[in-house]
Amino acid sequence: MSRCILQSNSILSDWQLDKYRYPKRPWLKEQSIWAIAVYRFGRWGDTRKPNIQRWLCDRIYWLLFRMVETLTGISFTKAVVIGPGLRIWHFGNIFIHPDVQIGADCTLRQGVTIGNRIEGGPVPVIGNRVEFGAYAQVLGGITLGDDAKVGAMSVVLTDVPPGATAVGVPARVILKQK
């Protein structure tokens, strides 16, 4: 089934699009799916009316969040805004600031940090289909455009235009050849 068809189908939820990017039956093979499932559950719980059901969902979410965070080393709360189709390869040591916004169909690898440079400072906004290499660090009030790539072990401190690649410490931007 084509990716375009899935994205245009309004019946499918963000969770279904996340699962689409994983192999069949990922629960025992891909621990990162646990973190995504808990995140989506937390976001779903926040859509409930303020009543006992929402209160209970919130308590269950925080218990599951802490368990998954401890077991997998993936830490992003339900406050993060993440588009559908998130894929995390090689889980572990992934930290995302609660104010970050991440677009659809993004890919994270182990050791990725997305956050602010100083306490209380601005955080990145990530476009659609952005790929992060292992141990990439994206810090500060910057924007990564659609289809951007961040190389492994890069430290990105400046905007990355759509389709460009950021590599190095500090990262330099390599524009896509046409």
C-alpha atoms as a PDB file:
ATOM      1  CA  MET A   1       0.000   0.000   0.000  1.00  0.00           C
ATOM      2  CA  SER A   2       1.406   3.382  -0.953  1.00  0.00           C
ATOM      3  CA  ARG A   3       2.391   5.886   1.731  1.00  0.00           C
ATOM      4  CA  CYS A   4       0.426   8.656  -0.021  1.00  0.00           C
ATOM      5  CA  ILE A   5      -2.757   6.620   0.160  1.00  0.00           C
ATOM      6  CA  LEU A   6      -2.305   6.089   3.894  1.00  0.00           C
ATOM      7  CA  GLN A   7      -1.727   9.757   4.612  1.00  0.00           C
ATOM      8  CA  SER A   8      -4.762  10.858   2.651  1.00  0.00           C
ATOM      9  CA  ASN A   9      -7.083   8.456   4.492  1.00  0.00           C
ATOM     10  CA  SER A  10      -8.589  10.474   7.355  1.00  0.00           C
ATOM     11  CA  ILE A  11      -9.863   7.307   9.066  1.00  0.00           C
ATOM     12  CA  LEU A  12      -6.374   6.176  10.056  1.00  0.00           C
ATOM     13  CA  SER A  13      -5.082   7.659  13.291  1.00  0.00           C
ATOM     14  CA  ASP A  14      -1.598   8.945  14.034  1.00  0.00           C
ATOM     15  CA  TRP A  15      -0.984   5.707  15.936  1.00  0.00           C
ATOM     16  CA  GLN A  16      -1.864   3.595  12.904  1.00  0.00           C
ATOM     17  CA  LEU A  17       0.555   5.625  10.782  1.00  0.00           C
ATOM     18  CA  ASP A  18       3.262   5.142  13.417  1.00  0.00           C
ATOM     19  CA  LYS A  19       2.702   1.372  13.351  1.00  0.00           C
ATOM     20  CA  TYR A  20       2.779   1.377   9.539  1.00  0.00           C
ATOM     21  CA  ARG A  21       6.473   2.348   9.632  1.00  0.00           C
ATOM     22  CA  TYR A  22       7.329  -0.648  11.836  1.00  0.00           C
ATOM     23  CA  PRO A  23       7.537  -4.326  10.842  1.00  0.00           C
ATOM     24  CA  LYS A  24       4.589  -6.591  11.616  1.00  0.00           C
ATOM     25  CA  ARG A  25       4.175  -7.485  15.277  1.00  0.00           C
ATOM     26  CA  PRO A  26       6.888  -5.140  16.598  1.00  0.00           C
ATOM     27  CA  TRP A  27       6.058  -5.424  20.303  1.00  0.00           C
ATOM     28  CA  LEU A  28       8.857  -7.855  21.223  1.00  0.00           C
ATOM     29  CA  LYS A  29      11.368  -6.818  18.543  1.00  0.00           C
ATOM     30  CA  GLU A  30      11.136  -3.024  18.615  1.00  0.00           C
ATOM     31  CA  GLN A  31      11.040  -1.588  22.122  1.00  0.00           C
ATOM     32  CA  SER A  32      10.769   1.939  20.730  1.00  0.00           C
ATOM     33  CA  ILE A  33       7.159   1.188  19.765  1.00  0.00           C
ATOM     34  CA  TRP A  34       6.398   1.081  23.502  1.00  0.00           C
ATOM     35  CA  ALA A  35       7.404   4.728  23.914  1.00  0.00           C
ATOM     36  CA  ILE A  36       5.332   5.802  20.915  1.00  0.00           C
ATOM     37  CA  ALA A  37       2.302   3.846  22.145  1.00  0.00           C
ATOM     38  CA  VAL A  38       2.522   5.427  25.606  1.00  0.00           C
ATOM     39  CA  TYR A  39       2.909   8.890  24.034  1.00  0.00           C
ATOM     40  CA  ARG A  40      -0.169   8.398  21.812  1.00  0.00           C
ATOM     41  CA  PHE A  41      -2.138   7.026  24.791  1.00  0.00           C
ATOM     42  CA  GLY A  42      -1.230  10.134  26.810  1.00  0.00           C
ATOM     43  CA  ARG A  43      -2.326  12.441  23.982  1.00  0.00           C
ATOM     44  CA  TRP A  44      -5.572  10.458  23.632  1.00  0.00           C
ATOM     45  CA  GLY A  45      -6.212  10.705  27.380  1.00  0.00           C
ATOM     46  CA  ASP A  46      -5.901  14.482  27.194  1.00  0.00           C
ATOM     47  CA  THR A  47      -8.817  14.576  24.721  1.00  0.00           C
ATOM     48  CA  ARG A  48     -11.195  13.088  27.338  1.00  0.00           C
ATOM     49  CA  LYS A  49     -13.582  15.358  29.212  1.00  0.00           C
ATOM     50  CA  PRO A  50     -12.253  16.393  32.628  1.00  0.00           C
ATOM     51  CA  ASN A  51     -13.726  13.608  34.744  1.00  0.00           C
ATOM     52  CA  ILE A  52     -12.675  10.436  36.539  1.00  0.00           C
ATOM     53  CA  GLN A  53     -11.853   8.722  33.224  1.00  0.00           C
ATOM     54  CA  ARG A  54      -9.377  11.458  32.274  1.00  0.00           C
ATOM     55  CA  TRP A  55      -7.913  11.472  35.783  1.00  0.00           C
ATOM     56  CA  LEU A  56      -7.414   7.705  35.615  1.00  0.00           C
ATOM     57  CA  CYS A  57      -5.919   7.873  32.086  1.00  0.00           C
ATOM     58  CA  ASP A  58      -3.465  10.509  33.282  1.00  0.00           C
ATOM     59  CA  ARG A  59      -2.314   8.380  36.219  1.00  0.00           C
ATOM     60  CA  ILE A  60      -1.920   5.310  34.003  1.00  0.00           C
ATOM     61  CA  TYR A  61      -0.032   7.376  31.411  1.00  0.00           C
ATOM     62  CA  TRP A  62       2.527   8.682  33.932  1.00  0.00           C
ATOM     63  CA  LEU A  63       3.109   5.208  35.368  1.00  0.00           C
ATOM     64  CA  LEU A  64       3.616   3.750  31.874  1.00  0.00           C
ATOM     65  CA  PHE A  65       5.755   6.724  30.820  1.00  0.00           C
ATOM     66  CA  ARG A  66       8.180   6.232  33.729  1.00  0.00           C
ATOM     67  CA  MET A  67       8.367   2.476  33.145  1.00  0.00           C
ATOM     68  CA  VAL A  68       9.051   2.830  29.414  1.00  0.00           C
ATOM     69  CA  GLU A  69      11.478   5.705  29.961  1.00  0.00           C
ATOM     70  CA  THR A  70      13.443   3.568  32.424  1.00  0.00           C
ATOM     71  CA  LEU A  71      13.402   0.426  30.277  1.00  0.00           C
ATOM     72  CA  THR A  72      14.133   1.997  26.891  1.00  0.00           C
ATOM     73  CA  GLY A  73      15.952   5.254  27.602  1.00  0.00           C
ATOM     74  CA  ILE A  74      13.444   7.159  25.454  1.00  0.00           C
ATOM     75  CA  SER A  75      12.091  10.298  27.093  1.00  0.00           C
ATOM     76  CA  PHE A  76       9.443  12.477  25.492  1.00  0.00           C
ATOM     77  CA  THR A  77       6.284  13.415  27.314  1.00  0.00           C
ATOM     78  CA  LYS A  78       2.790  13.828  25.924  1.00  0.00           C
ATOM     79  CA  ALA A  79       3.424  17.595  25.840  1.00  0.00           C
ATOM     80  CA  VAL A  80       5.608  17.219  22.727  1.00  0.00           C
ATOM     81  CA  VAL A  81       3.673  17.725  19.488  1.00  0.00           C
ATOM     82  CA  ILE A  82       4.568  14.856  17.147  1.00  0.00           C
ATOM     83  CA  GLY A  83       2.996  14.271  13.742  1.00  0.00           C
ATOM     84  CA  PRO A  84       1.929  10.834  12.538  1.00  0.00           C
ATOM     85  CA  GLY A  85       4.405   8.231  11.338  1.00  0.00           C
ATOM     86  CA  LEU A  86       7.186   8.609  13.918  1.00  0.00           C
ATOM     87  CA  ARG A  87       9.833   5.877  13.624  1.00  0.00           C
ATOM     88  CA  ILE A  88      12.555   5.292  16.198  1.00  0.00           C
ATOM     89  CA  TRP A  89      15.402   3.021  15.135  1.00  0.00           C
ATOM     90  CA  HIS A  90      17.844   1.646  17.698  1.00  0.00           C
ATOM     91  CA  PHE A  91      16.169   2.913  20.847  1.00  0.00           C
ATOM     92  CA  GLY A  92      18.031   4.400  23.784  1.00  0.00           C
ATOM     93  CA  ASN A  93      19.227   7.755  25.094  1.00  0.00           C
ATOM     94  CA  ILE A  94      16.612   9.765  23.198  1.00  0.00           C
ATOM     95  CA  PHE A  95      15.539  12.984  24.893  1.00  0.00           C
ATOM     96  CA  ILE A  96      13.044  15.495  23.501  1.00  0.00           C
ATOM     97  CA  HIS A  97      12.128  18.738  25.273  1.00  0.00           C
ATOM     98  CA  PRO A  98       8.386  19.014  26.064  1.00  0.00           C
ATOM     99  CA  ASP A  99       7.961  22.179  23.949  1.00  0.00           C
ATOM    100  CA  VAL A 100       9.405  20.698  20.732  1.00  0.00           C
ATOM    101  CA  GLN A 101       7.238  20.262  17.631  1.00  0.00           C
ATOM    102  CA  ILE A 102       8.029  17.378  15.276  1.00  0.00           C
ATOM    103  CA  GLY A 103       6.369  16.909  11.881  1.00  0.00           C
ATOM    104  CA  ALA A 104       5.051  13.762  10.199  1.00  0.00           C
ATOM    105  CA  ASP A 105       7.116  10.724   9.144  1.00  0.00           C
ATOM    106  CA  CYS A 106      10.245  11.690  11.061  1.00  0.00           C
ATOM    107  CA  THR A 107      12.948   9.173  11.959  1.00  0.00           C
ATOM    108  CA  LEU A 108      15.073   9.172  15.120  1.00  0.00           C
ATOM    109  CA  ARG A 109      18.032   6.970  15.945  1.00  0.00           C
ATOM    110  CA  GLN A 110      19.742   6.249  19.266  1.00  0.00           C
ATOM    111  CA  GLY A 111      21.179   9.071  21.297  1.00  0.00           C
ATOM    112  CA  VAL A 112      19.195  11.912  19.693  1.00  0.00           C
ATOM    113  CA  THR A 113      18.621  15.018  21.801  1.00  0.00           C
ATOM    114  CA  ILE A 114      16.237  17.775  20.710  1.00  0.00           C
ATOM    115  CA  GLY A 115      15.922  20.671  23.109  1.00  0.00           C
ATOM    116  CA  ASN A 116      16.958  24.109  24.281  1.00  0.00           C
ATOM    117  CA  ARG A 117      20.467  25.506  24.713  1.00  0.00           C
ATOM    118  CA  ILE A 118      19.720  27.315  27.963  1.00  0.00           C
ATOM    119  CA  GLU A 119      17.104  26.695  30.618  1.00  0.00           C
ATOM    120  CA  GLY A 120      13.836  28.283  29.546  1.00  0.00           C
ATOM    121  CA  GLY A 121      15.211  29.036  26.091  1.00  0.00           C
ATOM    122  CA  PRO A 122      13.541  28.379  22.734  1.00  0.00           C
ATOM    123  CA  VAL A 123      13.402  24.885  21.243  1.00  0.00           C
ATOM    124  CA  PRO A 124      13.570  23.503  17.687  1.00  0.00           C
ATOM    125  CA  VAL A 125      10.670  23.095  15.294  1.00  0.00           C
ATOM    126  CA  ILE A 126      11.110  20.042  13.093  1.00  0.00           C
ATOM    127  CA  GLY A 127       9.502  19.728   9.655  1.00  0.00           C
ATOM    128  CA  ASN A 128       8.096  16.608   7.964  1.00  0.00           C
ATOM    129  CA  ARG A 129      10.204  13.602   6.921  1.00  0.00           C
ATOM    130  CA  VAL A 130      13.285  14.750   8.830  1.00  0.00           C
ATOM    131  CA  GLU A 131      15.886  12.070   9.614  1.00  0.00           C
ATOM    132  CA  PHE A 132      18.223  12.180  12.596  1.00  0.00           C
ATOM    133  CA  GLY A 133      21.444  10.170  12.672  1.00  0.00           C
ATOM    134  CA  ALA A 134      22.741   8.494  15.814  1.00  0.00           C
ATOM    135  CA  TYR A 135      23.659  10.864  18.642  1.00  0.00           C
ATOM    136  CA  ALA A 136      22.553  13.973  16.740  1.00  0.00           C
ATOM    137  CA  GLN A 137      21.955  17.020  18.917  1.00  0.00           C
ATOM    138  CA  VAL A 138      19.540  19.734  17.750  1.00  0.00           C
ATOM    139  CA  LEU A 139      19.473  22.675  20.133  1.00  0.00           C
ATOM    140  CA  GLY A 140      17.900  26.115  20.396  1.00  0.00           C
ATOM    141  CA  GLY A 141      15.169  28.031  18.630  1.00  0.00           C
ATOM    142  CA  ILE A 142      15.904  26.712  15.153  1.00  0.00           C
ATOM    143  CA  THR A 143      13.873  25.203  12.334  1.00  0.00           C
ATOM    144  CA  LEU A 144      14.656  22.055  10.376  1.00  0.00           C
ATOM    145  CA  GLY A 145      12.817  22.148   7.064  1.00  0.00           C
ATOM    146  CA  ASP A 146      10.922  19.311   5.427  1.00  0.00           C
ATOM    147  CA  ASP A 147      13.090  16.412   4.172  1.00  0.00           C
ATOM    148  CA  ALA A 148      16.170  17.651   6.054  1.00  0.00           C
ATOM    149  CA  LYS A 149      18.752  15.202   7.348  1.00  0.00           C
ATOM    150  CA  VAL A 150      20.960  15.496  10.418  1.00  0.00           C
ATOM    151  CA  GLY A 151      24.143  13.442  10.295  1.00  0.00           C
ATOM    152  CA  ALA A 152      25.295  11.151  13.068  1.00  0.00           C
ATOM    153  CA  MET A 153      26.948  12.939  16.002  1.00  0.00           C
ATOM    154  CA  SER A 154      26.169  16.377  14.538  1.00  0.00           C
ATOM    155  CA  VAL A 155      25.404  19.357  16.760  1.00  0.00           C
ATOM    156  CA  VAL A 156      22.887  21.550  14.947  1.00  0.00           C
ATOM    157  CA  LEU A 157      22.641  25.138  16.220  1.00  0.00           C
ATOM    158  CA  THR A 158      21.336  26.907  13.089  1.00  0.00           C
ATOM    159  CA  ASP A 159      18.356  26.527  10.764  1.00  0.00           C
ATOM    160  CA  VAL A 160      18.489  23.755   8.175  1.00  0.00           C
ATOM    161  CA  PRO A 161      16.578  24.517   4.960  1.00  0.00           C
ATOM    162  CA  PRO A 162      14.222  21.960   3.388  1.00  0.00           C
ATOM    163  CA  GLY A 163      16.058  19.079   1.714  1.00  0.00           C
ATOM    164  CA  ALA A 164      19.462  20.028   3.153  1.00  0.00           C
ATOM    165  CA  THR A 165      21.793  17.952   5.311  1.00  0.00           C
ATOM    166  CA  ALA A 166      23.531  19.142   8.485  1.00  0.00           C
ATOM    167  CA  VAL A 167      26.810  17.450   9.473  1.00  0.00           C
ATOM    168  CA  GLY A 168      29.630  18.112  11.894  1.00  0.00           C
ATOM    169  CA  VAL A 169      30.314  19.812  15.206  1.00  0.00           C
ATOM    170  CA  PRO A 170      29.053  22.472  15.021  1.00  0.00           C
ATOM    171  CA  ALA A 171      27.001  21.353  12.051  1.00  0.00           C
ATOM    172  CA  ARG A 172      27.455  22.924   8.671  1.00  0.00           C
ATOM    173  CA  VAL A 173      24.609  22.817   6.168  1.00  0.00           C
ATOM    174  CA  ILE A 174      25.095  21.027   2.862  1.00  0.00           C
ATOM    175  CA  LEU A 175      22.463  21.989   0.332  1.00  0.00           C
ATOM    176  CA  LYS A 176      20.951  19.283  -1.840  1.00  0.00           C
ATOM    177  CA  GLN A 177      22.424  19.165  -5.352  1.00  0.00           C
ATOM    178  CA  LYS A 178      19.837  19.672  -8.090  1.00  0.00           C
END
